[in-house]
N, C-alpha and C. Protein backbone atom coordinates (compact mmCIF):
# COMPACT_ATOMS: atom_id res chain seq x y z
N UNK A 1 22.46 -4.55 -2.45
CA UNK A 1 21.43 -3.89 -3.89
C UNK A 1 19.66 -5.33 -3.49
N UNK A 2 19.30 -4.74 -3.81
CA UNK A 2 17.50 -5.23 -3.71
C UNK A 2 17.42 -5.53 -4.80
N UNK A 3 16.94 -6.50 -5.07
CA UNK A 3 15.72 -7.68 -5.92
C UNK A 3 14.31 -7.64 -6.50
N UNK A 4 13.97 -7.91 -7.53
CA UNK A 4 12.20 -8.00 -7.46
C UNK A 4 12.55 -9.19 -8.55
N UNK A 5 12.04 -10.30 -9.06
CA UNK A 5 12.08 -11.24 -9.57
C UNK A 5 11.26 -11.77 -9.82
N UNK A 6 10.92 -12.70 -10.41
CA UNK A 6 9.86 -13.66 -11.56
C UNK A 6 10.48 -15.07 -11.20
N UNK A 7 10.03 -16.10 -10.87
CA UNK A 7 10.69 -17.23 -11.01
C UNK A 7 9.08 -18.51 -11.95
N UNK A 8 9.92 -19.14 -13.23
CA UNK A 8 8.89 -19.37 -13.34
C UNK A 8 8.39 -21.23 -12.68
N UNK A 9 7.95 -21.33 -12.05
CA UNK A 9 7.24 -22.55 -11.35
C UNK A 9 6.58 -24.09 -13.19
N UNK A 10 7.57 -25.40 -12.22
CA UNK A 10 7.15 -26.00 -13.48
C UNK A 10 5.75 -26.93 -13.96
N UNK A 11 4.82 -26.16 -12.99
CA UNK A 11 3.15 -26.00 -13.92
C UNK A 11 3.17 -24.96 -14.22
N UNK A 12 4.46 -23.63 -15.28
CA UNK A 12 3.83 -22.67 -16.11
C UNK A 12 3.33 -21.28 -15.13
N UNK A 13 3.74 -21.48 -14.18
CA UNK A 13 2.88 -20.27 -13.57
C UNK A 13 3.63 -19.20 -12.73
N UNK A 14 3.80 -18.51 -12.77
CA UNK A 14 4.46 -17.63 -12.52
C UNK A 14 4.14 -17.05 -10.07
N UNK A 15 5.70 -17.14 -10.22
CA UNK A 15 5.14 -16.38 -8.81
C UNK A 15 7.06 -15.02 -8.83
N UNK A 16 5.96 -14.20 -7.90
CA UNK A 16 7.07 -12.93 -7.75
C UNK A 16 7.48 -12.25 -6.61
N UNK A 17 8.72 -11.51 -6.52
CA UNK A 17 8.97 -12.37 -4.65
C UNK A 17 9.98 -11.00 -5.42
N UNK A 18 10.62 -11.06 -3.89
CA UNK A 18 11.73 -9.35 -3.50
C UNK A 18 12.68 -10.53 -2.92
N UNK A 19 13.64 -9.91 -2.77
CA UNK A 19 15.13 -10.06 -1.82
C UNK A 19 16.16 -9.18 -1.50
N UNK A 20 17.13 -9.51 -0.68
CA UNK A 20 18.28 -8.83 -0.83
C UNK A 20 19.78 -9.57 -1.14
N UNK A 21 18.57 -11.17 -1.62
CA UNK A 21 20.08 -11.43 -1.10
C UNK A 21 19.65 -12.90 -2.48
N UNK A 22 20.07 -12.20 -4.21
CA UNK A 22 19.21 -12.90 -4.80
C UNK A 22 19.35 -15.15 -4.84
N UNK A 23 20.59 -15.02 -5.46
CA UNK A 23 21.00 -16.31 -5.21
C UNK A 23 20.77 -17.23 -4.39
N UNK A 24 20.46 -16.60 -3.23
CA UNK A 24 20.65 -16.77 -1.79
C UNK A 24 18.60 -17.13 -1.49
N UNK A 25 17.99 -15.92 -1.86
CA UNK A 25 16.59 -16.45 -2.20
C UNK A 25 16.44 -17.61 -3.02
N UNK A 26 17.20 -17.94 -4.27
CA UNK A 26 16.73 -18.64 -5.23
C UNK A 26 17.27 -20.01 -5.46
N UNK A 27 17.60 -20.55 -3.88
CA UNK A 27 18.75 -21.43 -3.56
C UNK A 27 17.41 -22.24 -2.37
N UNK A 28 16.50 -21.14 -2.01
CA UNK A 28 16.10 -21.66 -1.28
C UNK A 28 14.83 -21.88 -1.61
N UNK A 29 14.31 -21.43 -2.89
CA UNK A 29 12.88 -21.60 -3.27
C UNK A 29 12.95 -23.13 -4.19
N UNK A 30 14.51 -22.97 -4.53
CA UNK A 30 14.71 -24.51 -5.34
C UNK A 30 14.64 -25.93 -4.51
N UNK A 31 14.99 -25.66 -2.78
CA UNK A 31 14.75 -26.43 -2.52
C UNK A 31 14.02 -26.96 -1.24
N UNK A 32 12.65 -25.76 -1.96
CA UNK A 32 11.57 -26.88 -1.55
C UNK A 32 11.06 -26.26 -0.24
N UNK A 33 12.20 -24.82 0.44
CA UNK A 33 11.87 -23.98 1.78
C UNK A 33 11.25 -22.78 1.24
N UNK A 34 10.90 -22.34 0.29
CA UNK A 34 11.04 -20.38 0.10
C UNK A 34 9.30 -20.36 0.37
N UNK A 35 9.02 -19.74 -0.04
CA UNK A 35 7.21 -19.50 -0.56
C UNK A 35 6.74 -20.25 -0.36
N UNK A 36 5.34 -20.42 0.44
CA UNK A 36 4.43 -22.10 0.15
C UNK A 36 4.11 -22.40 -0.76
N UNK A 37 3.62 -21.05 -1.85
CA UNK A 37 3.09 -21.13 -3.76
C UNK A 37 4.17 -22.16 -4.00
N UNK A 38 5.37 -21.77 -4.23
CA UNK A 38 6.32 -22.64 -4.65
C UNK A 38 6.77 -23.56 -4.66
N UNK A 39 6.34 -23.98 -3.04
CA UNK A 39 7.10 -25.79 -2.91
C UNK A 39 6.52 -26.84 -3.73
N UNK A 40 5.19 -26.77 -3.51
CA UNK A 40 4.63 -27.95 -4.61
C UNK A 40 4.84 -27.02 -5.70
N UNK A 41 5.05 -26.46 -6.85
CA UNK A 41 5.28 -26.20 -7.90
C UNK A 41 6.92 -26.19 -8.30
N UNK A 42 7.95 -26.94 -7.84
CA UNK A 42 9.34 -26.91 -8.32
C UNK A 42 9.29 -28.63 -9.48
N UNK A 43 10.46 -28.00 -10.53
CA UNK A 43 11.76 -26.84 -9.52
C UNK A 43 10.64 -25.38 -10.72
N UNK A 44 11.81 -24.98 -10.27
CA UNK A 44 11.50 -23.05 -10.52
C UNK A 44 12.38 -22.52 -11.36
N UNK A 45 12.15 -21.64 -11.73
CA UNK A 45 13.31 -20.66 -12.71
C UNK A 45 13.13 -19.26 -12.81
N UNK A 46 14.27 -18.43 -12.58
CA UNK A 46 14.41 -17.53 -12.53
C UNK A 46 14.48 -17.14 -14.08
N UNK A 47 13.41 -16.62 -14.05
CA UNK A 47 13.19 -15.52 -15.45
C UNK A 47 13.21 -14.11 -15.53
N UNK A 48 13.45 -13.63 -14.43
CA UNK A 48 13.12 -11.84 -14.25
C UNK A 48 13.93 -11.56 -13.20
N UNK A 49 14.77 -10.36 -13.17
CA UNK A 49 15.13 -9.35 -12.49
C UNK A 49 14.85 -7.86 -12.44
N UNK A 50 14.62 -7.41 -11.69
CA UNK A 50 15.07 -6.02 -11.29
C UNK A 50 16.34 -6.05 -9.98
N UNK A 51 16.88 -5.10 -10.62
CA UNK A 51 17.89 -4.31 -8.84
C UNK A 51 17.00 -2.69 -8.41
N UNK A 52 16.97 -2.93 -7.30
CA UNK A 52 16.71 -1.69 -6.73
C UNK A 52 17.80 -1.09 -5.32
N UNK A 53 18.30 0.13 -5.55
CA UNK A 53 19.06 0.60 -4.17
C UNK A 53 18.11 0.50 -3.19
N UNK A 54 17.14 0.66 -2.26
CA UNK A 54 15.94 0.18 -1.09
C UNK A 54 15.07 -0.75 -1.25
N UNK A 55 15.25 -1.82 0.06
CA UNK A 55 14.08 -2.64 0.12
C UNK A 55 12.74 -1.92 -0.09
N UNK A 56 12.44 -0.68 0.06
CA UNK A 56 11.00 0.16 0.38
C UNK A 56 10.75 0.12 -1.37
N UNK A 57 11.58 0.33 -2.43
CA UNK A 57 11.30 0.13 -3.38
C UNK A 57 11.26 -0.75 -4.09
N UNK A 58 12.05 -1.78 -3.69
CA UNK A 58 11.84 -3.46 -4.49
C UNK A 58 10.66 -3.61 -3.69
N UNK A 59 9.83 -3.60 -2.57
CA UNK A 59 8.48 -3.92 -2.23
C UNK A 59 7.58 -3.18 -3.05
N UNK A 60 8.08 -1.80 -3.73
CA UNK A 60 6.49 -1.24 -4.03
C UNK A 60 6.88 -1.71 -5.87
N UNK A 61 7.67 -2.00 -6.04
CA UNK A 61 8.25 -2.47 -7.10
C UNK A 61 7.72 -4.48 -7.72
N UNK A 62 7.51 -5.00 -6.45
CA UNK A 62 6.95 -5.86 -6.20
C UNK A 62 5.41 -6.21 -6.70
N UNK A 63 5.12 -5.26 -5.74
CA UNK A 63 3.36 -5.19 -5.82
C UNK A 63 3.08 -4.42 -6.99
N UNK A 64 4.07 -3.51 -7.80
CA UNK A 64 3.33 -2.87 -9.32
C UNK A 64 3.30 -4.52 -10.01
N UNK A 65 4.37 -5.41 -10.01
CA UNK A 65 4.48 -6.43 -10.95
C UNK A 65 3.19 -7.61 -10.50
N UNK A 66 3.18 -7.55 -9.23
CA UNK A 66 1.96 -8.69 -8.96
C UNK A 66 0.13 -8.38 -9.75
N UNK A 67 0.16 -6.61 -9.94
CA UNK A 67 -0.85 -6.38 -10.21
C UNK A 67 -0.88 -7.06 -11.79
N UNK A 68 0.40 -7.26 -12.63
CA UNK A 68 0.07 -7.23 -13.96
C UNK A 68 -0.82 -8.13 -13.87
N UNK A 69 -1.17 -8.76 -15.35
CA UNK A 69 -2.22 -9.92 -15.56
C UNK A 69 -0.85 -10.70 -15.57
N UNK A 70 -0.99 -11.80 -16.57
CA UNK A 70 -0.72 -12.66 -16.92
C UNK A 70 0.12 -12.33 -18.66
N UNK A 71 -0.30 -11.58 -19.53
CA UNK A 71 0.16 -10.95 -20.58
C UNK A 71 0.85 -10.25 -20.33
N UNK A 72 1.19 -9.02 -19.84
CA UNK A 72 1.40 -8.69 -18.91
C UNK A 72 2.76 -8.44 -18.49
N UNK A 73 2.94 -9.41 -17.51
CA UNK A 73 3.88 -10.35 -17.11
C UNK A 73 4.82 -10.95 -18.67
N UNK A 74 3.73 -11.20 -18.92
CA UNK A 74 5.10 -11.90 -20.66
C UNK A 74 5.78 -11.57 -20.99
N UNK A 75 4.86 -9.67 -21.86
CA UNK A 75 5.20 -9.17 -22.13
C UNK A 75 6.46 -8.20 -21.52
N UNK A 76 6.54 -7.99 -19.93
CA UNK A 76 7.54 -7.66 -19.46
C UNK A 76 8.39 -8.44 -19.29
N UNK A 77 8.81 -10.06 -18.88
CA UNK A 77 9.42 -10.86 -19.39
C UNK A 77 10.30 -10.96 -20.39
N UNK A 78 9.12 -10.41 -22.31
CA UNK A 78 10.75 -11.26 -22.76
C UNK A 78 11.35 -9.70 -23.27
N UNK A 79 10.43 -8.48 -23.01
CA UNK A 79 11.48 -7.45 -23.06
C UNK A 79 12.58 -7.37 -22.55
N UNK A 80 12.98 -8.05 -20.84
CA UNK A 80 13.75 -7.89 -20.57
C UNK A 80 14.67 -9.30 -21.30
N UNK A 81 14.92 -10.64 -21.41
CA UNK A 81 14.78 -11.94 -22.85
C UNK A 81 15.97 -10.91 -23.90
N UNK A 82 14.87 -9.89 -24.47
CA UNK A 82 15.65 -8.89 -25.40
C UNK A 82 16.46 -7.51 -25.18
N UNK A 83 16.75 -8.08 -23.82
CA UNK A 83 18.40 -6.71 -23.79
C UNK A 83 19.18 -8.11 -22.80
N UNK A 84 18.91 -8.88 -23.46
CA UNK A 84 20.13 -10.30 -23.83
C UNK A 84 21.12 -10.63 -21.63
N UNK A 85 20.03 -9.87 -20.65
CA UNK A 85 19.76 -10.71 -20.04
C UNK A 85 19.17 -12.07 -19.46
C-alpha cells in the first residue's frame, strides 16, 4: 500500500509526503533523518494520511495537497479527524 501523509512540525508548519511504508517513514522523520525540511522542526506528529494502491496515485495526490493553502489543508485535516481516524 502507498500513503500520502501530513506531519505537523514543532513550529506548527505542515509537511506533506508519500511513502510505501508509513511507520518506517515516520520513524525516519522522527529520528531527524527524513526530509531536510523536517530535520530542523522536530518533533513531528502524523496528523493525516490517505491510502493509494499505486505509487503514481500517491504522488499525484501529494502534489495536489502541496498546492492547497494552509486553510484548505486545515479543513482536510479536520475532516479526517472527524471520521474517527
